Amino acid sequence: MRGKIKKIVRDRSFGFISAENGKEVFFHASSLEELDFGDLEEGNIVEFKKVSGRKGIHAENITRVEQKKGWWAE
């Protein structure tokens, strides 16, 4: 699944992704793959796996993708 980083809460090491379907998905810094949390910025396009955990739906296996024009272009 693809989405755009909507919000990052650096001091708590989490954030939210706006998915292609318009829904927000929670993520934690520990869910990043080959990406440092400090290098992540709001607006970055990412691919991720949506999973259900004990606290609800969240993103895992998050990777940043090259930005190209598409549904996310502003």
N, C-alpha and C. Protein backbone atom coordinates (compact mmCIF):
# COMPACT_ATOMS: atom_id res chain seq x y z
N MET A 1 0.85 -1.16 0.00
CA MET A 1 0.00 0.00 0.00
C MET A 1 0.90 1.23 0.00
N ARG A 2 0.44 2.31 -0.62
CA ARG A 2 1.19 3.57 -0.64
C ARG A 2 0.46 4.65 0.13
N GLY A 3 1.23 5.62 0.56
CA GLY A 3 0.65 6.76 1.26
C GLY A 3 1.67 7.88 1.39
N LYS A 4 1.24 8.96 2.01
CA LYS A 4 2.08 10.13 2.23
C LYS A 4 2.18 10.38 3.73
N ILE A 5 3.40 10.68 4.20
CA ILE A 5 3.56 11.00 5.62
C ILE A 5 2.79 12.28 5.91
N LYS A 6 1.80 12.17 6.77
CA LYS A 6 0.94 13.31 7.08
C LYS A 6 1.47 14.10 8.28
N LYS A 7 1.88 13.38 9.33
CA LYS A 7 2.33 14.05 10.55
C LYS A 7 3.39 13.20 11.23
N ILE A 8 4.42 13.89 11.74
CA ILE A 8 5.49 13.23 12.49
C ILE A 8 5.57 13.86 13.87
N VAL A 9 5.60 13.03 14.89
CA VAL A 9 5.77 13.49 16.27
C VAL A 9 7.15 12.99 16.70
N ARG A 10 8.16 13.81 16.46
CA ARG A 10 9.56 13.39 16.65
C ARG A 10 9.88 13.01 18.09
N ASP A 11 9.40 13.80 19.06
CA ASP A 11 9.75 13.52 20.46
C ASP A 11 9.10 12.25 21.00
N ARG A 12 8.13 11.70 20.28
CA ARG A 12 7.47 10.46 20.70
C ARG A 12 7.74 9.30 19.74
N SER A 13 8.49 9.59 18.66
CA SER A 13 8.90 8.57 17.67
C SER A 13 7.74 7.87 16.97
N PHE A 14 6.71 8.64 16.61
CA PHE A 14 5.61 8.07 15.84
C PHE A 14 5.05 9.11 14.89
N GLY A 15 4.12 8.67 14.07
CA GLY A 15 3.47 9.59 13.13
C GLY A 15 2.28 8.93 12.48
N PHE A 16 1.76 9.61 11.45
CA PHE A 16 0.59 9.12 10.73
C PHE A 16 0.82 9.21 9.24
N ILE A 17 0.32 8.21 8.53
CA ILE A 17 0.40 8.15 7.08
C ILE A 17 -1.01 8.33 6.53
N SER A 18 -1.14 9.18 5.51
CA SER A 18 -2.40 9.31 4.80
C SER A 18 -2.35 8.31 3.64
N ALA A 19 -3.11 7.23 3.75
CA ALA A 19 -3.07 6.16 2.77
C ALA A 19 -3.80 6.55 1.48
N GLU A 20 -3.57 5.80 0.42
CA GLU A 20 -4.21 6.05 -0.87
C GLU A 20 -5.73 6.09 -0.76
N ASN A 21 -6.27 5.28 0.15
CA ASN A 21 -7.73 5.22 0.30
C ASN A 21 -8.29 6.36 1.15
N GLY A 22 -7.39 7.29 1.59
CA GLY A 22 -7.83 8.45 2.35
C GLY A 22 -7.84 8.26 3.85
N LYS A 23 -7.59 7.05 4.32
CA LYS A 23 -7.59 6.79 5.76
C LYS A 23 -6.21 7.04 6.35
N GLU A 24 -6.19 7.45 7.62
CA GLU A 24 -4.93 7.66 8.34
C GLU A 24 -4.51 6.37 9.01
N VAL A 25 -3.20 6.09 8.94
CA VAL A 25 -2.64 4.90 9.54
C VAL A 25 -1.50 5.31 10.47
N PHE A 26 -1.53 4.84 11.70
CA PHE A 26 -0.49 5.11 12.69
C PHE A 26 0.78 4.35 12.33
N PHE A 27 1.95 4.94 12.62
CA PHE A 27 3.21 4.20 12.51
C PHE A 27 4.15 4.61 13.63
N HIS A 28 5.04 3.69 13.99
CA HIS A 28 6.08 3.94 14.98
C HIS A 28 7.43 3.86 14.28
N ALA A 29 8.42 4.58 14.78
CA ALA A 29 9.75 4.60 14.18
C ALA A 29 10.34 3.19 14.02
N SER A 30 9.99 2.28 14.89
CA SER A 30 10.52 0.92 14.83
C SER A 30 9.99 0.15 13.61
N SER A 31 8.98 0.70 12.91
CA SER A 31 8.40 0.04 11.74
C SER A 31 9.07 0.44 10.43
N LEU A 32 10.09 1.30 10.50
CA LEU A 32 10.78 1.76 9.29
C LEU A 32 11.80 0.72 8.83
N GLU A 33 11.87 0.52 7.52
CA GLU A 33 12.83 -0.40 6.91
C GLU A 33 13.85 0.42 6.12
N GLU A 34 15.13 0.24 6.41
CA GLU A 34 16.20 0.90 5.67
C GLU A 34 16.00 2.41 5.60
N LEU A 35 15.48 2.98 6.65
CA LEU A 35 15.18 4.41 6.70
C LEU A 35 15.31 4.88 8.14
N ASP A 36 16.03 5.99 8.34
CA ASP A 36 16.20 6.55 9.67
C ASP A 36 15.05 7.50 9.96
N PHE A 37 14.46 7.40 11.14
CA PHE A 37 13.32 8.24 11.51
C PHE A 37 13.65 9.73 11.37
N GLY A 38 14.89 10.10 11.68
CA GLY A 38 15.30 11.49 11.57
C GLY A 38 15.34 12.02 10.15
N ASP A 39 15.44 11.12 9.16
CA ASP A 39 15.47 11.51 7.75
C ASP A 39 14.08 11.60 7.13
N LEU A 40 13.08 11.12 7.83
CA LEU A 40 11.71 11.13 7.32
C LEU A 40 11.10 12.52 7.47
N GLU A 41 10.37 12.97 6.44
CA GLU A 41 9.74 14.29 6.47
C GLU A 41 8.27 14.17 6.09
N GLU A 42 7.48 15.10 6.60
CA GLU A 42 6.08 15.15 6.21
C GLU A 42 6.02 15.40 4.71
N GLY A 43 5.14 14.67 4.03
CA GLY A 43 5.02 14.78 2.59
C GLY A 43 5.77 13.68 1.84
N ASN A 44 6.68 12.96 2.51
CA ASN A 44 7.37 11.84 1.86
C ASN A 44 6.36 10.78 1.45
N ILE A 45 6.58 10.19 0.28
CA ILE A 45 5.75 9.09 -0.18
C ILE A 45 6.38 7.79 0.31
N VAL A 46 5.56 6.93 0.88
CA VAL A 46 6.04 5.67 1.44
C VAL A 46 5.18 4.50 0.98
N GLU A 47 5.78 3.32 1.03
CA GLU A 47 5.04 2.07 0.86
C GLU A 47 5.08 1.35 2.19
N PHE A 48 4.01 0.66 2.53
CA PHE A 48 3.93 0.00 3.83
C PHE A 48 2.94 -1.14 3.79
N LYS A 49 3.01 -1.95 4.82
CA LYS A 49 2.05 -3.03 5.01
C LYS A 49 1.14 -2.64 6.16
N LYS A 50 -0.14 -2.71 5.94
CA LYS A 50 -1.13 -2.39 6.98
C LYS A 50 -1.43 -3.66 7.76
N VAL A 51 -1.25 -3.61 9.09
CA VAL A 51 -1.47 -4.78 9.94
C VAL A 51 -2.36 -4.41 11.12
N SER A 52 -2.98 -5.42 11.68
CA SER A 52 -3.83 -5.23 12.85
C SER A 52 -3.09 -5.74 14.08
N GLY A 53 -2.95 -4.86 15.06
CA GLY A 53 -2.27 -5.22 16.30
C GLY A 53 -3.22 -5.10 17.48
N ARG A 54 -2.67 -5.25 18.67
CA ARG A 54 -3.52 -5.20 19.86
C ARG A 54 -4.12 -3.82 20.10
N LYS A 55 -3.53 -2.77 19.51
CA LYS A 55 -4.07 -1.41 19.68
C LYS A 55 -4.75 -0.90 18.41
N GLY A 56 -4.95 -1.78 17.43
CA GLY A 56 -5.63 -1.39 16.20
C GLY A 56 -4.74 -1.49 14.98
N ILE A 57 -5.17 -0.88 13.90
CA ILE A 57 -4.46 -0.90 12.63
C ILE A 57 -3.24 0.01 12.70
N HIS A 58 -2.11 -0.47 12.17
CA HIS A 58 -0.91 0.35 12.09
C HIS A 58 -0.07 -0.09 10.89
N ALA A 59 0.93 0.72 10.54
CA ALA A 59 1.78 0.44 9.39
C ALA A 59 3.07 -0.24 9.84
N GLU A 60 3.54 -1.17 9.03
CA GLU A 60 4.82 -1.85 9.25
C GLU A 60 5.56 -1.93 7.94
N ASN A 61 6.85 -2.27 8.01
CA ASN A 61 7.69 -2.43 6.82
C ASN A 61 7.63 -1.19 5.93
N ILE A 62 7.80 -0.03 6.52
CA ILE A 62 7.68 1.24 5.81
C ILE A 62 8.98 1.56 5.07
N THR A 63 8.85 1.85 3.77
CA THR A 63 9.98 2.28 2.96
C THR A 63 9.59 3.54 2.19
N ARG A 64 10.56 4.42 1.99
CA ARG A 64 10.30 5.65 1.22
C ARG A 64 10.46 5.32 -0.26
N VAL A 65 9.60 5.88 -1.09
CA VAL A 65 9.69 5.68 -2.54
C VAL A 65 10.02 7.00 -3.22
N GLU A 66 10.54 6.89 -4.42
CA GLU A 66 10.88 8.08 -5.19
C GLU A 66 9.59 8.83 -5.51
N GLN A 67 9.61 10.15 -5.32
CA GLN A 67 8.42 10.94 -5.58
C GLN A 67 8.26 11.18 -7.07
N LYS A 68 7.14 10.81 -7.60
CA LYS A 68 6.79 11.05 -8.99
C LYS A 68 5.39 11.65 -9.02
N LYS A 69 5.02 12.24 -10.11
CA LYS A 69 3.68 12.80 -10.20
C LYS A 69 2.65 11.68 -10.15
N GLY A 70 1.58 11.93 -9.46
CA GLY A 70 0.53 10.92 -9.33
C GLY A 70 -0.56 11.45 -8.40
N TRP A 71 -1.26 10.55 -7.78
CA TRP A 71 -2.39 10.94 -6.92
C TRP A 71 -1.98 11.82 -5.77
N TRP A 72 -0.73 11.74 -5.34
CA TRP A 72 -0.26 12.48 -4.17
C TRP A 72 0.26 13.86 -4.52
N ALA A 73 0.45 14.17 -5.81
CA ALA A 73 1.02 15.46 -6.21
C ALA A 73 0.09 16.60 -5.80
N GLU A 74 0.69 17.62 -5.31
CA GLU A 74 -0.12 18.77 -4.87
C GLU A 74 -0.02 19.90 -5.86
